[in-house]
C-alpha cells in the first residue's frame, strides 16, 4: 500500500466532520442556532421523498393551458382514475412520509410561531425553533431576539431584524451625507461672496 500524507486530496473525507463540528469541538459554536437535530428522521423522510413520484394533472403535458398542479381525475372512463398501465400515478396515502418526521423544519426542529416575549415560555429549546410573526414590530422583535439568545432558542427568521437595523444605519448615513453636502454648498457660497468683495475692493 502507498502511504498517503495527512492532506492528500485523494484521501476519503468524512463528510460528517464539517465546519459545524469543528466549531462545536472548539467551543465557539452556538448549538441552539446552527445545530441540526433529528438527522435520522430527516434522512428517512428524504429517502421516501426521493422515491415519491411527481403527481401531475392529466394531460397537462399535452395542453399548455393546463397547469401541472395536481387535480384529481373524476371522469367515468378516465384512464388515469382507473390506473391503466402507462399513465401517471394517483395521489395515495401510502406515499406519505414517516409520522414522526411530519412537520419538521429542514433543520430538524418543530416550528413554533411567536408574537411576543411570553410565547417563549412555551418553547422547548431542545426540540422547538421559533419563527417571529410578520406583524411583529421592530421593538418587540428585538426583545424576542434578545430573550431567545438568552434561552438558547433557535430563531428561523432573525435576518429581518438585522435588515431593519442595516436600513436604519443606511438612512442615518444618507442624512449625514446630505448635511455634509449642504455645509459644502454653504462654504462655496461664502467663498464666492469673499471673492466678489475682494474684486470690488480691487
Protein backbone atom coordinates (compact mmCIF):
# COMPACT_ATOMS: atom_id res chain seq x y z
CA UNK A 1 0.00 0.00 0.00
CA UNK A 2 1.08 3.56 -0.73
CA UNK A 3 1.31 5.74 2.35
CA UNK A 4 -0.74 8.89 1.98
CA UNK A 5 0.09 12.19 3.57
CA UNK A 6 -2.28 13.89 6.01
CA UNK A 7 -3.54 16.45 3.50
CA UNK A 8 -3.74 14.18 0.44
CA UNK A 9 -6.75 15.36 -1.63
CA UNK A 10 -7.46 11.77 -2.75
CA UNK A 11 -7.96 10.64 0.84
CA UNK A 12 -11.51 9.75 1.84
CA UNK A 13 -13.16 12.67 3.58
CA UNK A 14 -15.54 12.24 6.48
CA UNK A 15 -18.41 14.49 5.37
CA UNK A 16 -19.92 14.50 8.87
CA UNK A 17 -16.87 16.41 10.11
CA UNK A 18 -17.68 19.83 8.71
CA UNK A 19 -17.41 23.42 9.86
CA UNK A 20 -20.21 22.97 12.38
CA UNK A 21 -18.42 20.01 14.01
CA UNK A 22 -15.14 21.94 14.14
CA UNK A 23 -16.79 24.94 15.80
CA UNK A 24 -18.65 22.68 18.22
CA UNK A 25 -15.45 20.92 19.31
CA UNK A 26 -13.55 24.18 19.60
CA UNK A 27 -16.21 25.55 21.96
CA UNK A 28 -17.19 28.51 19.77
CA UNK A 29 -20.37 27.03 18.34
CA UNK A 30 -23.91 28.21 19.13
CA UNK A 31 -25.73 24.87 19.15
CA UNK A 32 -29.14 26.47 19.64
CA UNK A 33 -28.86 28.39 16.36
CA UNK A 34 -26.88 26.22 13.91
CA UNK A 35 -27.18 22.60 15.03
CA UNK A 36 -29.31 20.19 13.01
CA UNK A 37 -31.22 17.68 15.10
CA UNK A 38 -33.28 14.58 14.27
CA UNK A 39 -30.96 13.75 11.37
CA UNK A 40 -32.23 10.14 11.25
CA UNK A 41 -35.83 11.31 10.84
CA UNK A 42 -34.86 13.82 8.17
CA UNK A 43 -32.89 11.19 6.26
CA UNK A 44 -35.81 8.76 6.42
CA UNK A 45 -38.18 11.48 5.19
CA UNK A 46 -35.80 12.39 2.36
CA UNK A 47 -35.41 8.74 1.35
CA UNK A 48 -39.17 8.37 0.95
CA UNK A 49 -39.46 11.77 -0.73
CA UNK A 50 -36.84 10.83 -3.33
CA UNK A 51 -38.84 7.73 -4.30
CA UNK A 52 -42.17 9.59 -4.40
CA UNK A 53 -43.34 10.27 -8.00
CA UNK A 54 -44.36 13.72 -9.20
CA UNK A 55 -48.13 13.99 -9.23
CA UNK A 56 -49.34 15.95 -12.25
CA UNK A 57 -52.69 16.86 -13.71
CA UNK A 58 -53.88 14.64 -16.52
CA UNK A 59 -52.80 15.81 -19.99
CA UNK A 60 -51.07 18.88 -18.54
CA UNK A 61 -48.10 17.74 -20.65
CA UNK A 62 -50.32 17.88 -23.74
CA UNK A 63 -52.05 21.27 -23.39
CA UNK A 64 -50.29 24.48 -22.43
CA UNK A 65 -53.48 25.89 -20.94
CA UNK A 66 -53.46 23.19 -18.23
CA UNK A 67 -51.05 23.75 -15.36
CA UNK A 68 -49.24 20.69 -13.94
CA UNK A 69 -50.77 21.28 -10.49
CA UNK A 70 -52.41 18.15 -9.18
CA UNK A 71 -56.12 17.70 -9.84
CA UNK A 72 -57.97 14.52 -9.00
CA UNK A 73 -59.36 12.80 -12.13
CA UNK A 74 -63.12 12.22 -11.82
CA UNK A 75 -64.24 11.07 -15.26
CA UNK A 76 -66.26 7.88 -15.64
CA UNK A 77 -63.87 6.33 -18.17
CA UNK A 78 -60.80 8.33 -17.13
CA UNK A 79 -57.72 6.19 -17.72
CA UNK A 80 -55.76 7.95 -15.02
CA UNK A 81 -58.53 7.31 -12.46
CA UNK A 82 -58.68 3.67 -13.49
CA UNK A 83 -54.86 3.47 -13.30
CA UNK A 84 -54.40 1.97 -16.73
CA UNK A 85 -50.83 0.93 -17.46
CA UNK A 86 -48.65 3.80 -18.68
CA UNK A 87 -50.49 6.71 -17.07
CA UNK A 88 -49.08 8.81 -14.17
CA UNK A 89 -49.61 7.79 -10.55
CA UNK A 90 -52.50 8.91 -8.39
CA UNK A 91 -52.06 10.56 -5.02
CA UNK A 92 -52.41 7.88 -2.36
CA UNK A 93 -51.89 7.78 1.38
CA UNK A 94 -49.13 5.21 1.02
CA UNK A 95 -46.79 7.88 -0.38
CA UNK A 96 -46.78 9.82 2.91
CA UNK A 97 -43.58 10.28 4.87
CA UNK A 98 -42.92 8.88 8.36
CA UNK A 99 -45.31 10.19 11.01
CA UNK A 100 -42.50 11.19 13.38
CA UNK A 101 -40.88 13.44 10.74
CA UNK A 102 -44.00 15.24 9.55
CA UNK A 103 -44.00 18.97 10.04
CA UNK A 104 -40.31 19.20 10.91
CA UNK A 105 -38.28 22.12 9.63
CA UNK A 106 -35.31 21.12 7.40
CA UNK A 107 -33.05 21.76 10.43
CA UNK A 108 -34.94 19.08 12.39
CA UNK A 109 -36.75 21.40 14.81
CA UNK A 110 -40.50 21.80 15.24
CA UNK A 111 -41.53 25.27 14.09
CA UNK A 112 -43.39 27.45 16.60
CA UNK A 113 -44.86 30.87 15.76
CA UNK A 114 -44.03 33.61 18.27
CA UNK A 115 -45.64 37.06 18.56
CA UNK A 116 -44.38 38.30 21.95
CA UNK A 117 -41.91 37.53 24.73
CA UNK A 118 -44.42 35.45 26.73
CA UNK A 119 -44.74 32.93 23.89
CA UNK A 120 -41.13 31.85 24.51
CA UNK A 121 -42.12 30.20 27.81
CA UNK A 122 -43.99 27.51 25.84
CA UNK A 123 -40.95 26.65 23.69
CA UNK A 124 -38.63 23.72 24.38
CA UNK A 125 -35.11 24.78 23.20
CA UNK A 126 -34.14 21.15 22.61
CA UNK A 127 -36.99 20.40 20.19
CA UNK A 128 -38.59 23.63 19.03
CA UNK A 129 -37.42 26.55 16.90
CA UNK A 130 -39.29 29.84 16.76
CA UNK A 131 -40.43 31.92 13.83
CA UNK A 132 -41.28 35.54 14.63
CA UNK A 133 -44.62 36.64 13.16
CA UNK A 134 -44.54 39.07 10.27
CA UNK A 135 -46.86 41.50 12.09
CA UNK A 136 -44.40 41.94 14.98
CA UNK A 137 -42.78 45.38 15.08
CA UNK A 138 -39.10 46.22 15.33
CA UNK A 139 -39.07 46.90 19.10
CA UNK A 140 -40.82 43.64 20.06
CA UNK A 141 -38.75 41.74 17.53
CA UNK A 142 -35.52 42.92 19.18
CA UNK A 143 -36.89 41.94 22.63
CA UNK A 144 -37.80 38.46 21.35
CA UNK A 145 -34.35 38.02 19.78
CA UNK A 146 -32.52 39.00 22.98
CA UNK A 147 -34.67 36.68 25.11
CA UNK A 148 -34.26 33.83 22.60
CA UNK A 149 -30.46 34.21 22.65
CA UNK A 150 -30.51 34.06 26.47
CA UNK A 151 -32.67 30.92 26.43
CA UNK A 152 -30.59 29.44 23.56
CA UNK A 153 -33.61 29.06 21.30
CA UNK A 154 -33.12 28.74 17.56
CA UNK A 155 -34.67 31.59 15.54
CA UNK A 156 -35.61 30.71 11.97
CA UNK A 157 -36.03 34.29 10.68
CA UNK A 158 -33.59 36.56 12.53
CA UNK A 159 -32.40 38.32 9.35
CA UNK A 160 -35.38 40.65 9.11
CA UNK A 161 -34.41 42.49 12.30
CA UNK A 162 -30.80 42.72 11.09
CA UNK A 163 -32.00 44.05 7.73
CA UNK A 164 -34.10 46.69 9.51
CA UNK A 165 -31.04 47.78 11.53
CA UNK A 166 -28.95 47.98 8.35
CA UNK A 167 -31.66 50.08 6.67
CA UNK A 168 -31.74 52.45 9.66
CA UNK A 169 -27.96 52.80 9.58
CA UNK A 170 -28.05 53.43 5.83
CA UNK A 171 -30.68 56.14 6.33
CA UNK A 172 -28.52 57.78 9.02
CA UNK A 173 -25.50 57.71 6.69
CA UNK A 174 -27.57 59.26 3.89
CA UNK A 175 -28.78 62.02 6.23
CA UNK A 176 -25.20 62.73 7.34
CA UNK A 177 -24.06 62.84 3.70
CA UNK A 178 -26.85 65.32 2.88
CA UNK A 179 -25.79 67.52 5.82
CA UNK A 180 -22.17 67.44 4.62
CA UNK A 181 -23.28 68.42 1.10
CA UNK A 182 -25.32 71.32 2.50
CA UNK A 183 -22.35 72.52 4.55
CA UNK A 184 -20.09 72.26 1.47
CA UNK A 185 -22.57 74.34 -0.53
CA UNK A 186 -22.64 76.99 2.22
CA UNK A 187 -18.83 77.12 2.26
CA UNK A 188 -18.77 77.53 -1.53
CA UNK A 189 -21.30 80.38 -1.35
CA UNK A 190 -19.25 82.12 1.35
CA UNK A 191 -16.10 81.72 -0.75
CA UNK A 192 -17.86 83.25 -3.77
CA UNK A 193 -19.02 86.21 -1.64
CA UNK A 194 -15.46 86.77 -0.36
CA UNK A 195 -14.14 86.69 -3.95
CA UNK A 196 -16.80 89.20 -5.05
CA UNK A 197 -15.93 91.55 -2.16
CA UNK A 198 -12.21 91.22 -2.98
CA UNK A 199 -12.93 92.16 -6.63
CA UNK A 200 -14.93 95.20 -5.54
CA UNK A 201 -12.13 96.48 -3.28
CA UNK A 202 -9.60 95.84 -6.05
